PDB file of N, CA and C in Angstrom:
ATOM      1  N   MET A   1       0.816  -1.198   0.000  1.00  0.00           N
ATOM      2  CA  MET A   1       0.000   0.000   0.000  1.00  0.00           C
ATOM      3  C   MET A   1       0.856   1.257   0.000  1.00  0.00           C
ATOM      4  N   GLY A   2       2.113   1.150   0.182  1.00  0.00           N
ATOM      5  CA  GLY A   2       2.986   2.305   0.237  1.00  0.00           C
ATOM      6  C   GLY A   2       2.952   3.131  -1.034  1.00  0.00           C
ATOM      7  N   ASN A   3       2.717   2.509  -2.165  1.00  0.00           N
ATOM      8  CA  ASN A   3       2.738   3.182  -3.461  1.00  0.00           C
ATOM      9  C   ASN A   3       1.351   3.615  -3.931  1.00  0.00           C
ATOM     10  N   SER A   4       0.328   3.282  -3.178  1.00  0.00           N
ATOM     11  CA  SER A   4      -1.044   3.517  -3.596  1.00  0.00           C
ATOM     12  C   SER A   4      -1.369   4.996  -3.730  1.00  0.00           C
ATOM     13  N   LYS A   5      -2.243   5.313  -4.697  1.00  0.00           N
ATOM     14  CA  LYS A   5      -2.730   6.682  -4.844  1.00  0.00           C
ATOM     15  C   LYS A   5      -3.746   7.007  -3.765  1.00  0.00           C
ATOM     16  N   ARG A   6      -4.299   5.982  -3.173  1.00  0.00           N
ATOM     17  CA  ARG A   6      -5.332   6.179  -2.158  1.00  0.00           C
ATOM     18  C   ARG A   6      -4.676   6.390  -0.799  1.00  0.00           C
ATOM     19  N   LYS A   7      -4.692   7.613  -0.355  1.00  0.00           N
ATOM     20  CA  LYS A   7      -4.016   7.975   0.895  1.00  0.00           C
ATOM     21  C   LYS A   7      -4.990   8.215   2.053  1.00  0.00           C
ATOM     22  N   VAL A   8      -6.294   8.408   1.739  1.00  0.00           N
ATOM     23  CA  VAL A   8      -7.281   8.722   2.770  1.00  0.00           C
ATOM     24  C   VAL A   8      -7.950   7.427   3.224  1.00  0.00           C
ATOM     25  N   MET A   9      -8.028   7.238   4.528  1.00  0.00           N
ATOM     26  CA  MET A   9      -8.649   6.038   5.073  1.00  0.00           C
ATOM     27  C   MET A   9     -10.011   6.402   5.667  1.00  0.00           C
ATOM     28  N   LEU A  10     -11.017   5.595   5.363  1.00  0.00           N
ATOM     29  CA  LEU A  10     -12.349   5.758   5.919  1.00  0.00           C
ATOM     30  C   LEU A  10     -12.640   4.553   6.808  1.00  0.00           C
ATOM     31  N   ALA A  11     -13.294   4.778   7.922  1.00  0.00           N
ATOM     32  CA  ALA A  11     -13.661   3.679   8.814  1.00  0.00           C
ATOM     33  C   ALA A  11     -15.097   3.886   9.275  1.00  0.00           C
ATOM     34  N   ILE A  12     -15.857   2.795   9.340  1.00  0.00           N
ATOM     35  CA  ILE A  12     -17.235   2.865   9.830  1.00  0.00           C
ATOM     36  C   ILE A  12     -17.476   1.705  10.785  1.00  0.00           C
ATOM     37  N   ARG A  13     -18.431   1.895  11.671  1.00  0.00           N
ATOM     38  CA  ARG A  13     -18.848   0.823  12.573  1.00  0.00           C
ATOM     39  C   ARG A  13     -20.216   0.333  12.112  1.00  0.00           C
ATOM     40  N   VAL A  14     -20.398  -0.976  12.181  1.00  0.00           N
ATOM     41  CA  VAL A  14     -21.669  -1.585  11.797  1.00  0.00           C
ATOM     42  C   VAL A  14     -22.077  -2.585  12.870  1.00  0.00           C
ATOM     43  N   THR A  15     -23.372  -2.921  12.867  1.00  0.00           N
ATOM     44  CA  THR A  15     -23.865  -3.954  13.774  1.00  0.00           C
ATOM     45  C   THR A  15     -23.560  -5.324  13.167  1.00  0.00           C
ATOM     46  N   GLU A  16     -23.732  -6.351  13.954  1.00  0.00           N
ATOM     47  CA  GLU A  16     -23.534  -7.717  13.445  1.00  0.00           C
ATOM     48  C   GLU A  16     -24.517  -8.001  12.304  1.00  0.00           C
ATOM     49  N   GLU A  17     -25.745  -7.519  12.458  1.00  0.00           N
ATOM     50  CA  GLU A  17     -26.759  -7.748  11.424  1.00  0.00           C
ATOM     51  C   GLU A  17     -26.382  -7.039  10.124  1.00  0.00           C
ATOM     52  N   GLU A  18     -25.889  -5.809  10.239  1.00  0.00           N
ATOM     53  CA  GLU A  18     -25.466  -5.070   9.040  1.00  0.00           C
ATOM     54  C   GLU A  18     -24.288  -5.770   8.372  1.00  0.00           C
ATOM     55  N   ARG A  19     -23.369  -6.260   9.169  1.00  0.00           N
ATOM     56  CA  ARG A  19     -22.201  -6.972   8.621  1.00  0.00           C
ATOM     57  C   ARG A  19     -22.644  -8.226   7.871  1.00  0.00           C
ATOM     58  N   ALA A  20     -23.614  -8.946   8.450  1.00  0.00           N
ATOM     59  CA  ALA A  20     -24.137 -10.150   7.797  1.00  0.00           C
ATOM     60  C   ALA A  20     -24.840  -9.790   6.486  1.00  0.00           C
ATOM     61  N   LEU A  21     -25.572  -8.688   6.488  1.00  0.00           N
ATOM     62  CA  LEU A  21     -26.250  -8.240   5.268  1.00  0.00           C
ATOM     63  C   LEU A  21     -25.238  -7.871   4.191  1.00  0.00           C
ATOM     64  N   ILE A  22     -24.185  -7.176   4.596  1.00  0.00           N
ATOM     65  CA  ILE A  22     -23.128  -6.813   3.639  1.00  0.00           C
ATOM     66  C   ILE A  22     -22.507  -8.078   3.056  1.00  0.00           C
ATOM     67  N   ALA A  23     -22.253  -9.063   3.912  1.00  0.00           N
ATOM     68  CA  ALA A  23     -21.669 -10.323   3.447  1.00  0.00           C
ATOM     69  C   ALA A  23     -22.590 -11.019   2.445  1.00  0.00           C
ATOM     70  N   ARG A  24     -23.902 -11.022   2.714  1.00  0.00           N
ATOM     71  CA  ARG A  24     -24.852 -11.642   1.774  1.00  0.00           C
ATOM     72  C   ARG A  24     -24.859 -10.905   0.443  1.00  0.00           C
ATOM     73  N   ARG A  25     -24.849  -9.593   0.502  1.00  0.00           N
ATOM     74  CA  ARG A  25     -24.858  -8.811  -0.739  1.00  0.00           C
ATOM     75  C   ARG A  25     -23.561  -9.021  -1.525  1.00  0.00           C
ATOM     76  N   MET A  26     -22.457  -9.120  -0.812  1.00  0.00           N
ATOM     77  CA  MET A  26     -21.176  -9.392  -1.483  1.00  0.00           C
ATOM     78  C   MET A  26     -21.241 -10.734  -2.200  1.00  0.00           C
ATOM     79  N   GLU A  27     -21.799 -11.721  -1.506  1.00  0.00           N
ATOM     80  CA  GLU A  27     -21.909 -13.062  -2.091  1.00  0.00           C
ATOM     81  C   GLU A  27     -22.807 -13.033  -3.330  1.00  0.00           C
ATOM     82  N   GLN A  28     -23.938 -12.329  -3.236  1.00  0.00           N
ATOM     83  CA  GLN A  28     -24.845 -12.216  -4.381  1.00  0.00           C
ATOM     84  C   GLN A  28     -24.158 -11.548  -5.571  1.00  0.00           C
ATOM     85  N   ALA A  29     -23.286 -10.578  -5.276  1.00  0.00           N
ATOM     86  CA  ALA A  29     -22.576  -9.856  -6.336  1.00  0.00           C
ATOM     87  C   ALA A  29     -21.357 -10.622  -6.832  1.00  0.00           C
ATOM     88  N   GLY A  30     -21.003 -11.694  -6.125  1.00  0.00           N
ATOM     89  CA  GLY A  30     -19.837 -12.479  -6.526  1.00  0.00           C
ATOM     90  C   GLY A  30     -18.517 -11.786  -6.213  1.00  0.00           C
ATOM     91  N   VAL A  31     -18.509 -10.965  -5.168  1.00  0.00           N
ATOM     92  CA  VAL A  31     -17.305 -10.222  -4.780  1.00  0.00           C
ATOM     93  C   VAL A  31     -16.766 -10.837  -3.491  1.00  0.00           C
ATOM     94  N   ARG A  32     -15.467 -11.076  -3.444  1.00  0.00           N
ATOM     95  CA  ARG A  32     -14.867 -11.680  -2.256  1.00  0.00           C
ATOM     96  C   ARG A  32     -14.185 -10.671  -1.353  1.00  0.00           C
ATOM     97  N   SER A  33     -13.772  -9.552  -1.906  1.00  0.00           N
ATOM     98  CA  SER A  33     -13.037  -8.553  -1.139  1.00  0.00           C
ATOM     99  C   SER A  33     -14.001  -7.504  -0.576  1.00  0.00           C
ATOM    100  N   LEU A  34     -14.025  -7.394   0.758  1.00  0.00           N
ATOM    101  CA  LEU A  34     -14.871  -6.392   1.400  1.00  0.00           C
ATOM    102  C   LEU A  34     -14.479  -5.000   0.945  1.00  0.00           C
ATOM    103  N   ARG A  35     -13.194  -4.734   0.883  1.00  0.00           N
ATOM    104  CA  ARG A  35     -12.699  -3.425   0.450  1.00  0.00           C
ATOM    105  C   ARG A  35     -13.183  -3.102  -0.956  1.00  0.00           C
ATOM    106  N   ALA A  36     -13.038  -4.046  -1.863  1.00  0.00           N
ATOM    107  CA  ALA A  36     -13.450  -3.823  -3.254  1.00  0.00           C
ATOM    108  C   ALA A  36     -14.961  -3.593  -3.336  1.00  0.00           C
ATOM    109  N   TYR A  37     -15.716  -4.391  -2.585  1.00  0.00           N
ATOM    110  CA  TYR A  37     -17.168  -4.252  -2.605  1.00  0.00           C
ATOM    111  C   TYR A  37     -17.600  -2.888  -2.077  1.00  0.00           C
ATOM    112  N   LEU A  38     -17.085  -2.515  -0.906  1.00  0.00           N
ATOM    113  CA  LEU A  38     -17.483  -1.240  -0.307  1.00  0.00           C
ATOM    114  C   LEU A  38     -17.052  -0.056  -1.162  1.00  0.00           C
ATOM    115  N   LEU A  39     -15.869  -0.122  -1.738  1.00  0.00           N
ATOM    116  CA  LEU A  39     -15.395   0.953  -2.602  1.00  0.00           C
ATOM    117  C   LEU A  39     -16.278   1.069  -3.839  1.00  0.00           C
ATOM    118  N   LYS A  40     -16.592  -0.061  -4.447  1.00  0.00           N
ATOM    119  CA  LYS A  40     -17.431  -0.067  -5.650  1.00  0.00           C
ATOM    120  C   LYS A  40     -18.826   0.496  -5.339  1.00  0.00           C
ATOM    121  N   MET A  41     -19.408   0.081  -4.211  1.00  0.00           N
ATOM    122  CA  MET A  41     -20.735   0.568  -3.848  1.00  0.00           C
ATOM    123  C   MET A  41     -20.708   2.057  -3.504  1.00  0.00           C
ATOM    124  N   ALA A  42     -19.660   2.503  -2.826  1.00  0.00           N
ATOM    125  CA  ALA A  42     -19.572   3.917  -2.444  1.00  0.00           C
ATOM    126  C   ALA A  42     -19.371   4.803  -3.663  1.00  0.00           C
ATOM    127  N   VAL A  43     -18.607   4.336  -4.629  1.00  0.00           N
ATOM    128  CA  VAL A  43     -18.290   5.156  -5.798  1.00  0.00           C
ATOM    129  C   VAL A  43     -19.356   5.017  -6.887  1.00  0.00           C
ATOM    130  N   ASP A  44     -19.782   3.799  -7.164  1.00  0.00           N
ATOM    131  CA  ASP A  44     -20.684   3.555  -8.290  1.00  0.00           C
ATOM    132  C   ASP A  44     -22.102   3.167  -7.899  1.00  0.00           C
ATOM    133  N   GLY A  45     -22.328   2.894  -6.618  1.00  0.00           N
ATOM    134  CA  GLY A  45     -23.642   2.434  -6.170  1.00  0.00           C
ATOM    135  C   GLY A  45     -24.688   3.522  -6.310  1.00  0.00           C
ATOM    136  N   HIS A  46     -25.910   3.114  -6.257  1.00  0.00           N
ATOM    137  CA  HIS A  46     -27.029   4.049  -6.384  1.00  0.00           C
ATOM    138  C   HIS A  46     -27.864   4.001  -5.118  1.00  0.00           C
ATOM    139  N   VAL A  47     -28.278   5.145  -4.659  1.00  0.00           N
ATOM    140  CA  VAL A  47     -29.208   5.242  -3.543  1.00  0.00           C
ATOM    141  C   VAL A  47     -30.537   5.671  -4.135  1.00  0.00           C
ATOM    142  N   VAL A  48     -31.566   4.904  -3.851  1.00  0.00           N
ATOM    143  CA  VAL A  48     -32.890   5.210  -4.382  1.00  0.00           C
ATOM    144  C   VAL A  48     -33.753   5.711  -3.232  1.00  0.00           C
ATOM    145  N   LYS A  49     -34.216   6.931  -3.371  1.00  0.00           N
ATOM    146  CA  LYS A  49     -35.124   7.502  -2.375  1.00  0.00           C
ATOM    147  C   LYS A  49     -36.466   7.670  -3.062  1.00  0.00           C
ATOM    148  N   LEU A  50     -37.433   6.936  -2.585  1.00  0.00           N
ATOM    149  CA  LEU A  50     -38.741   6.947  -3.227  1.00  0.00           C
ATOM    150  C   LEU A  50     -39.653   7.984  -2.583  1.00  0.00           C
ATOM    151  N   ASP A  51     -40.355   8.718  -3.425  1.00  0.00           N
ATOM    152  CA  ASP A  51     -41.401   9.621  -2.957  1.00  0.00           C
ATOM    153  C   ASP A  51     -42.700   8.824  -3.034  1.00  0.00           C
ATOM    154  N   LEU A  52     -43.242   8.479  -1.890  1.00  0.00           N
ATOM    155  CA  LEU A  52     -44.415   7.611  -1.841  1.00  0.00           C
ATOM    156  C   LEU A  52     -45.727   8.394  -1.747  1.00  0.00           C
ATOM    157  N   THR A  53     -45.703   9.668  -2.104  1.00  0.00           N
ATOM    158  CA  THR A  53     -46.903  10.498  -2.046  1.00  0.00           C
ATOM    159  C   THR A  53     -48.022   9.902  -2.890  1.00  0.00           C
ATOM    160  N   ASP A  54     -47.696   9.477  -4.101  1.00  0.00           N
ATOM    161  CA  ASP A  54     -48.711   8.913  -4.988  1.00  0.00           C
ATOM    162  C   ASP A  54     -49.249   7.593  -4.446  1.00  0.00           C
ATOM    163  N   VAL A  55     -48.389   6.799  -3.836  1.00  0.00           N
ATOM    164  CA  VAL A  55     -48.832   5.527  -3.266  1.00  0.00           C
ATOM    165  C   VAL A  55     -49.784   5.794  -2.103  1.00  0.00           C
ATOM    166  N   ARG A  56     -49.438   6.758  -1.253  1.00  0.00           N
ATOM    167  CA  ARG A  56     -50.317   7.100  -0.134  1.00  0.00           C
ATOM    168  C   ARG A  56     -51.681   7.580  -0.632  1.00  0.00           C
ATOM    169  N   GLU A  57     -51.674   8.376  -1.690  1.00  0.00           N
ATOM    170  CA  GLU A  57     -52.936   8.864  -2.258  1.00  0.00           C
ATOM    171  C   GLU A  57     -53.745   7.697  -2.810  1.00  0.00           C
ATOM    172  N   MET A  58     -53.093   6.759  -3.449  1.00  0.00           N
ATOM    173  CA  MET A  58     -53.801   5.604  -3.984  1.00  0.00           C
ATOM    174  C   MET A  58     -54.394   4.766  -2.846  1.00  0.00           C
ATOM    175  N   VAL A  59     -53.664   4.579  -1.768  1.00  0.00           N
ATOM    176  CA  VAL A  59     -54.180   3.837  -0.613  1.00  0.00           C
ATOM    177  C   VAL A  59     -55.395   4.554  -0.035  1.00  0.00           C
ATOM    178  N   ARG A  60     -55.323   5.890   0.050  1.00  0.00           N
ATOM    179  CA  ARG A  60     -56.456   6.667   0.544  1.00  0.00           C
ATOM    180  C   ARG A  60     -57.686   6.448  -0.341  1.00  0.00           C
ATOM    181  N   LEU A  61     -57.461   6.498  -1.658  1.00  0.00           N
ATOM    182  CA  LEU A  61     -58.577   6.283  -2.590  1.00  0.00           C
ATOM    183  C   LEU A  61     -59.116   4.861  -2.480  1.00  0.00           C
ATOM    184  N   LEU A  62     -58.239   3.889  -2.309  1.00  0.00           N
ATOM    185  CA  LEU A  62     -58.688   2.507  -2.165  1.00  0.00           C
ATOM    186  C   LEU A  62     -59.556   2.330  -0.922  1.00  0.00           C
ATOM    187  N   ARG A  63     -59.138   2.950   0.180  1.00  0.00           N
ATOM    188  CA  ARG A  63     -59.940   2.860   1.408  1.00  0.00           C
ATOM    189  C   ARG A  63     -61.314   3.478   1.201  1.00  0.00           C
ATOM    190  N   ARG A  64     -61.315   4.644   0.581  1.00  0.00           N
ATOM    191  CA  ARG A  64     -62.572   5.342   0.338  1.00  0.00           C
ATOM    192  C   ARG A  64     -63.468   4.533  -0.602  1.00  0.00           C
ATOM    193  N   TYR A  65     -62.853   4.010  -1.642  1.00  0.00           N
ATOM    194  CA  TYR A  65     -63.586   3.218  -2.627  1.00  0.00           C
ATOM    195  C   TYR A  65     -64.151   1.955  -1.972  1.00  0.00           C
ATOM    196  N   SER A  66     -63.355   1.297  -1.138  1.00  0.00           N
ATOM    197  CA  SER A  66     -63.810   0.075  -0.468  1.00  0.00           C
ATOM    198  C   SER A  66     -65.009   0.361   0.425  1.00  0.00           C
ATOM    199  N   ALA A  67     -64.950   1.458   1.158  1.00  0.00           N
ATOM    200  CA  ALA A  67     -66.077   1.822   2.030  1.00  0.00           C
ATOM    201  C   ALA A  67     -67.331   2.071   1.199  1.00  0.00           C
ATOM    202  N   ASN A  68     -67.181   2.806   0.106  1.00  0.00           N
ATOM    203  CA  ASN A  68     -68.338   3.081  -0.765  1.00  0.00           C
ATOM    204  C   ASN A  68     -68.876   1.795  -1.373  1.00  0.00           C
ATOM    205  N   LEU A  69     -67.997   0.930  -1.810  1.00  0.00           N
ATOM    206  CA  LEU A  69     -68.410  -0.321  -2.433  1.00  0.00           C
ATOM    207  C   LEU A  69     -69.160  -1.198  -1.425  1.00  0.00           C
ATOM    208  N   ASN A  70     -68.693  -1.227  -0.189  1.00  0.00           N
ATOM    209  CA  ASN A  70     -69.383  -1.998   0.850  1.00  0.00           C
ATOM    210  C   ASN A  70     -70.790  -1.450   1.104  1.00  0.00           C
ATOM    211  N   GLN A  71     -70.928  -0.133   1.120  1.00  0.00           N
ATOM    212  CA  GLN A  71     -72.247   0.469   1.318  1.00  0.00           C
ATOM    213  C   GLN A  71     -73.179   0.142   0.153  1.00  0.00           C
ATOM    214  N   ILE A  72     -72.631   0.189  -1.051  1.00  0.00           N
ATOM    215  CA  ILE A  72     -73.441  -0.121  -2.240  1.00  0.00           C
ATOM    216  C   ILE A  72     -73.851  -1.593  -2.221  1.00  0.00           C
ATOM    217  N   ALA A  73     -72.923  -2.479  -1.865  1.00  0.00           N
ATOM    218  CA  ALA A  73     -73.239  -3.912  -1.804  1.00  0.00           C
ATOM    219  C   ALA A  73     -74.311  -4.182  -0.750  1.00  0.00           C
ATOM    220  N   LYS A  74     -74.206  -3.522   0.394  1.00  0.00           N
ATOM    221  CA  LYS A  74     -75.202  -3.694   1.463  1.00  0.00           C
ATOM    222  C   LYS A  74     -76.580  -3.248   0.969  1.00  0.00           C
ATOM    223  N   ARG A  75     -76.613  -2.078   0.311  1.00  0.00           N
ATOM    224  CA  ARG A  75     -77.878  -1.556  -0.212  1.00  0.00           C
ATOM    225  C   ARG A  75     -78.450  -2.497  -1.275  1.00  0.00           C
ATOM    226  N   ALA A  76     -77.572  -3.030  -2.145  1.00  0.00           N
ATOM    227  CA  ALA A  76     -78.046  -3.934  -3.201  1.00  0.00           C
ATOM    228  C   ALA A  76     -78.597  -5.220  -2.589  1.00  0.00           C
ATOM    229  N   ASN A  77     -77.965  -5.723  -1.529  1.00  0.00           N
ATOM    230  CA  ASN A  77     -78.465  -6.932  -0.871  1.00  0.00           C
ATOM    231  C   ASN A  77     -79.790  -6.684  -0.162  1.00  0.00           C
ATOM    232  N   GLU A  78     -79.959  -5.512   0.412  1.00  0.00           N
ATOM    233  CA  GLU A  78     -81.199  -5.191   1.127  1.00  0.00           C
ATOM    234  C   GLU A  78     -82.367  -4.974   0.173  1.00  0.00           C
ATOM    235  N   SER A  79     -82.104  -4.311  -0.945  1.00  0.00           N
ATOM    236  CA  SER A  79     -83.201  -3.950  -1.859  1.00  0.00           C
ATOM    237  C   SER A  79     -83.248  -4.806  -3.121  1.00  0.00           C
ATOM    238  N   ALA A  80     -82.242  -5.673  -3.289  1.00  0.00           N
ATOM    239  CA  ALA A  80     -82.148  -6.529  -4.481  1.00  0.00           C
ATOM    240  C   ALA A  80     -82.037  -5.701  -5.759  1.00  0.00           C
ATOM    241  N   SER A  81     -81.542  -4.462  -5.637  1.00  0.00           N
ATOM    242  CA  SER A  81     -81.322  -3.636  -6.831  1.00  0.00           C
ATOM    243  C   SER A  81     -80.170  -2.670  -6.544  1.00  0.00           C
ATOM    244  N   ILE A  82     -79.713  -2.066  -7.621  1.00  0.00           N
ATOM    245  CA  ILE A  82     -78.614  -1.102  -7.496  1.00  0.00           C
ATOM    246  C   ILE A  82     -78.942   0.087  -8.391  1.00  0.00           C
ATOM    247  N   TYR A  83     -78.600   1.267  -7.942  1.00  0.00           N
ATOM    248  CA  TYR A  83     -78.911   2.484  -8.687  1.00  0.00           C
ATOM    249  C   TYR A  83     -77.814   2.803  -9.700  1.00  0.00           C
ATOM    250  N   GLU A  84     -78.241   3.445 -10.782  1.00  0.00           N
ATOM    251  CA  GLU A  84     -77.282   3.840 -11.811  1.00  0.00           C
ATOM    252  C   GLU A  84     -76.243   4.813 -11.250  1.00  0.00           C
ATOM    253  N   THR A  85     -76.659   5.663 -10.329  1.00  0.00           N
ATOM    254  CA  THR A  85     -75.708   6.609  -9.717  1.00  0.00           C
ATOM    255  C   THR A  85     -74.612   5.871  -8.949  1.00  0.00           C
ATOM    256  N   ASP A  86     -74.975   4.727  -8.356  1.00  0.00           N
ATOM    257  CA  ASP A  86     -73.977   3.922  -7.653  1.00  0.00           C
ATOM    258  C   ASP A  86     -72.935   3.368  -8.628  1.00  0.00           C
ATOM    259  N   ILE A  87     -73.406   2.908  -9.771  1.00  0.00           N
ATOM    260  CA  ILE A  87     -72.496   2.377 -10.787  1.00  0.00           C
ATOM    261  C   ILE A  87     -71.589   3.490 -11.304  1.00  0.00           C
ATOM    262  N   LEU A  88     -72.148   4.675 -11.540  1.00  0.00           N
ATOM    263  CA  LEU A  88     -71.339   5.810 -11.986  1.00  0.00           C
ATOM    264  C   LEU A  88     -70.316   6.200 -10.925  1.00  0.00           C
ATOM    265  N   ASP A  89     -70.703   6.123  -9.660  1.00  0.00           N
ATOM    266  CA  ASP A  89     -69.797   6.423  -8.552  1.00  0.00           C
ATOM    267  C   ASP A  89     -68.635   5.429  -8.535  1.00  0.00           C
ATOM    268  N   ILE A  90     -68.938   4.151  -8.703  1.00  0.00           N
ATOM    269  CA  ILE A  90     -67.889   3.118  -8.750  1.00  0.00           C
ATOM    270  C   ILE A  90     -66.944   3.398  -9.911  1.00  0.00           C
ATOM    271  N   ARG A  91     -67.511   3.698 -11.070  1.00  0.00           N
ATOM    272  CA  ARG A  91     -66.694   3.966 -12.260  1.00  0.00           C
ATOM    273  C   ARG A  91     -65.777   5.169 -12.031  1.00  0.00           C
ATOM    274  N   SER A  92     -66.304   6.211 -11.401  1.00  0.00           N
ATOM    275  CA  SER A  92     -65.516   7.411 -11.121  1.00  0.00           C
ATOM    276  C   SER A  92     -64.349   7.093 -10.181  1.00  0.00           C
ATOM    277  N   HIS A  93     -64.626   6.326  -9.141  1.00  0.00           N
ATOM    278  CA  HIS A  93     -63.562   5.955  -8.208  1.00  0.00           C
ATOM    279  C   HIS A  93     -62.492   5.095  -8.890  1.00  0.00           C
ATOM    280  N   LEU A  94     -62.941   4.186  -9.739  1.00  0.00           N
ATOM    281  CA  LEU A  94     -61.976   3.346 -10.454  1.00  0.00           C
ATOM    282  C   LEU A  94     -61.082   4.181 -11.367  1.00  0.00           C
ATOM    283  N   GLU A  95     -61.650   5.161 -12.024  1.00  0.00           N
ATOM    284  CA  GLU A  95     -60.847   6.033 -12.884  1.00  0.00           C
ATOM    285  C   GLU A  95     -59.794   6.773 -12.063  1.00  0.00           C
ATOM    286  N   GLY A  96     -60.170   7.240 -10.871  1.00  0.00           N
ATOM    287  CA  GLY A  96     -59.206   7.899  -9.993  1.00  0.00           C
ATOM    288  C   GLY A  96     -58.096   6.967  -9.557  1.00  0.00           C
ATOM    289  N   LEU A  97     -58.457   5.738  -9.255  1.00  0.00           N
ATOM    290  CA  LEU A  97     -57.440   4.749  -8.869  1.00  0.00           C
ATOM    291  C   LEU A  97     -56.488   4.455 -10.018  1.00  0.00           C
ATOM    292  N   TRP A  98     -57.033   4.282 -11.214  1.00  0.00           N
ATOM    293  CA  TRP A  98     -56.173   3.999 -12.369  1.00  0.00           C
ATOM    294  C   TRP A  98     -55.247   5.171 -12.673  1.00  0.00           C
ATOM    295  N   GLU A  99     -55.719   6.379 -12.466  1.00  0.00           N
ATOM    296  CA  GLU A  99     -54.865   7.552 -12.675  1.00  0.00           C
ATOM    297  C   GLU A  99     -53.697   7.517 -11.696  1.00  0.00           C
ATOM    298  N   GLN A 100     -53.970   7.167 -10.444  1.00  0.00           N
ATOM    299  CA  GLN A 100     -52.897   7.050  -9.450  1.00  0.00           C
ATOM    300  C   GLN A 100     -51.910   5.948  -9.846  1.00  0.00           C
ATOM    301  N   VAL A 101     -52.418   4.833 -10.335  1.00  0.00           N
ATOM    302  CA  VAL A 101     -51.548   3.743 -10.783  1.00  0.00           C
ATOM    303  C   VAL A 101     -50.654   4.216 -11.918  1.00  0.00           C
ATOM    304  N   ARG A 102     -51.222   4.956 -12.870  1.00  0.00           N
ATOM    305  CA  ARG A 102     -50.428   5.483 -13.998  1.00  0.00           C
ATOM    306  C   ARG A 102     -49.319   6.410 -13.498  1.00  0.00           C
ATOM    307  N   LEU A 103     -49.636   7.279 -12.539  1.00  0.00           N
ATOM    308  CA  LEU A 103     -48.624   8.188 -11.978  1.00  0.00           C
ATOM    309  C   LEU A 103     -47.494   7.415 -11.298  1.00  0.00           C
ATOM    310  N   ILE A 104     -47.866   6.407 -10.557  1.00  0.00           N
ATOM    311  CA  ILE A 104     -46.863   5.594  -9.858  1.00  0.00           C
ATOM    312  C   ILE A 104     -45.979   4.870 -10.862  1.00  0.00           C
ATOM    313  N   LEU A 105     -46.576   4.278 -11.873  1.00  0.00           N
ATOM    314  CA  LEU A 105     -45.791   3.556 -12.882  1.00  0.00           C
ATOM    315  C   LEU A 105     -44.864   4.497 -13.658  1.00  0.00           C
ATOM    316  N   LYS A 106     -45.332   5.712 -13.945  1.00  0.00           N
ATOM    317  CA  LYS A 106     -44.468   6.706 -14.605  1.00  0.00           C
ATOM    318  C   LYS A 106     -43.256   7.020 -13.742  1.00  0.00           C
ATOM    319  N   GLY A 107     -43.511   7.223 -12.443  1.00  0.00           N
ATOM    320  CA  GLY A 107     -42.420   7.518 -11.527  1.00  0.00           C
ATOM    321  C   GLY A 107     -41.438   6.372 -11.421  1.00  0.00           C
ATOM    322  N   LEU A 108     -41.938   5.148 -11.368  1.00  0.00           N
ATOM    323  CA  LEU A 108     -41.048   3.990 -11.282  1.00  0.00           C
ATOM    324  C   LEU A 108     -40.243   3.820 -12.571  1.00  0.00           C
ATOM    325  N   ALA A 109     -40.847   4.153 -13.698  1.00  0.00           N
ATOM    326  CA  ALA A 109     -40.141   4.033 -14.973  1.00  0.00           C
ATOM    327  C   ALA A 109     -38.955   4.989 -15.046  1.00  0.00           C
ATOM    328  N   ARG A 110     -39.028   6.111 -14.305  1.00  0.00           N
ATOM    329  CA  ARG A 110     -37.918   7.079 -14.326  1.00  0.00           C
ATOM    330  C   ARG A 110     -36.728   6.604 -13.493  1.00  0.00           C
ATOM    331  N   LEU A 111     -36.932   5.599 -12.631  1.00  0.00           N
ATOM    332  CA  LEU A 111     -35.828   5.098 -11.822  1.00  0.00           C
ATOM    333  C   LEU A 111     -34.876   4.408 -12.712  1.00  0.00           C
TER     334      LEU A 111
END
């Protein structure tokens, strides 16, 4: 190492679980040298930070849609019929859900 261009030393502490995870990832990558693996990940690795705003909105819509659908099903079972406005309401909610799905898929495609 006396001739190396790399003169700066970095040191980190990890838990046993983190060390085991690093070892598994090294094995999956087919890398035997911890130094080589950590250097490669630090220099060339990617950190993905997801904005889950669209997912949260979709979950909110799903909850709302499920509640509405349950009320419509209860009414249909009680009266043995369903109103056209209920069907239009279901269709509207589904369109909102699909729009959220499209937004999420667009965002994932940019990764």
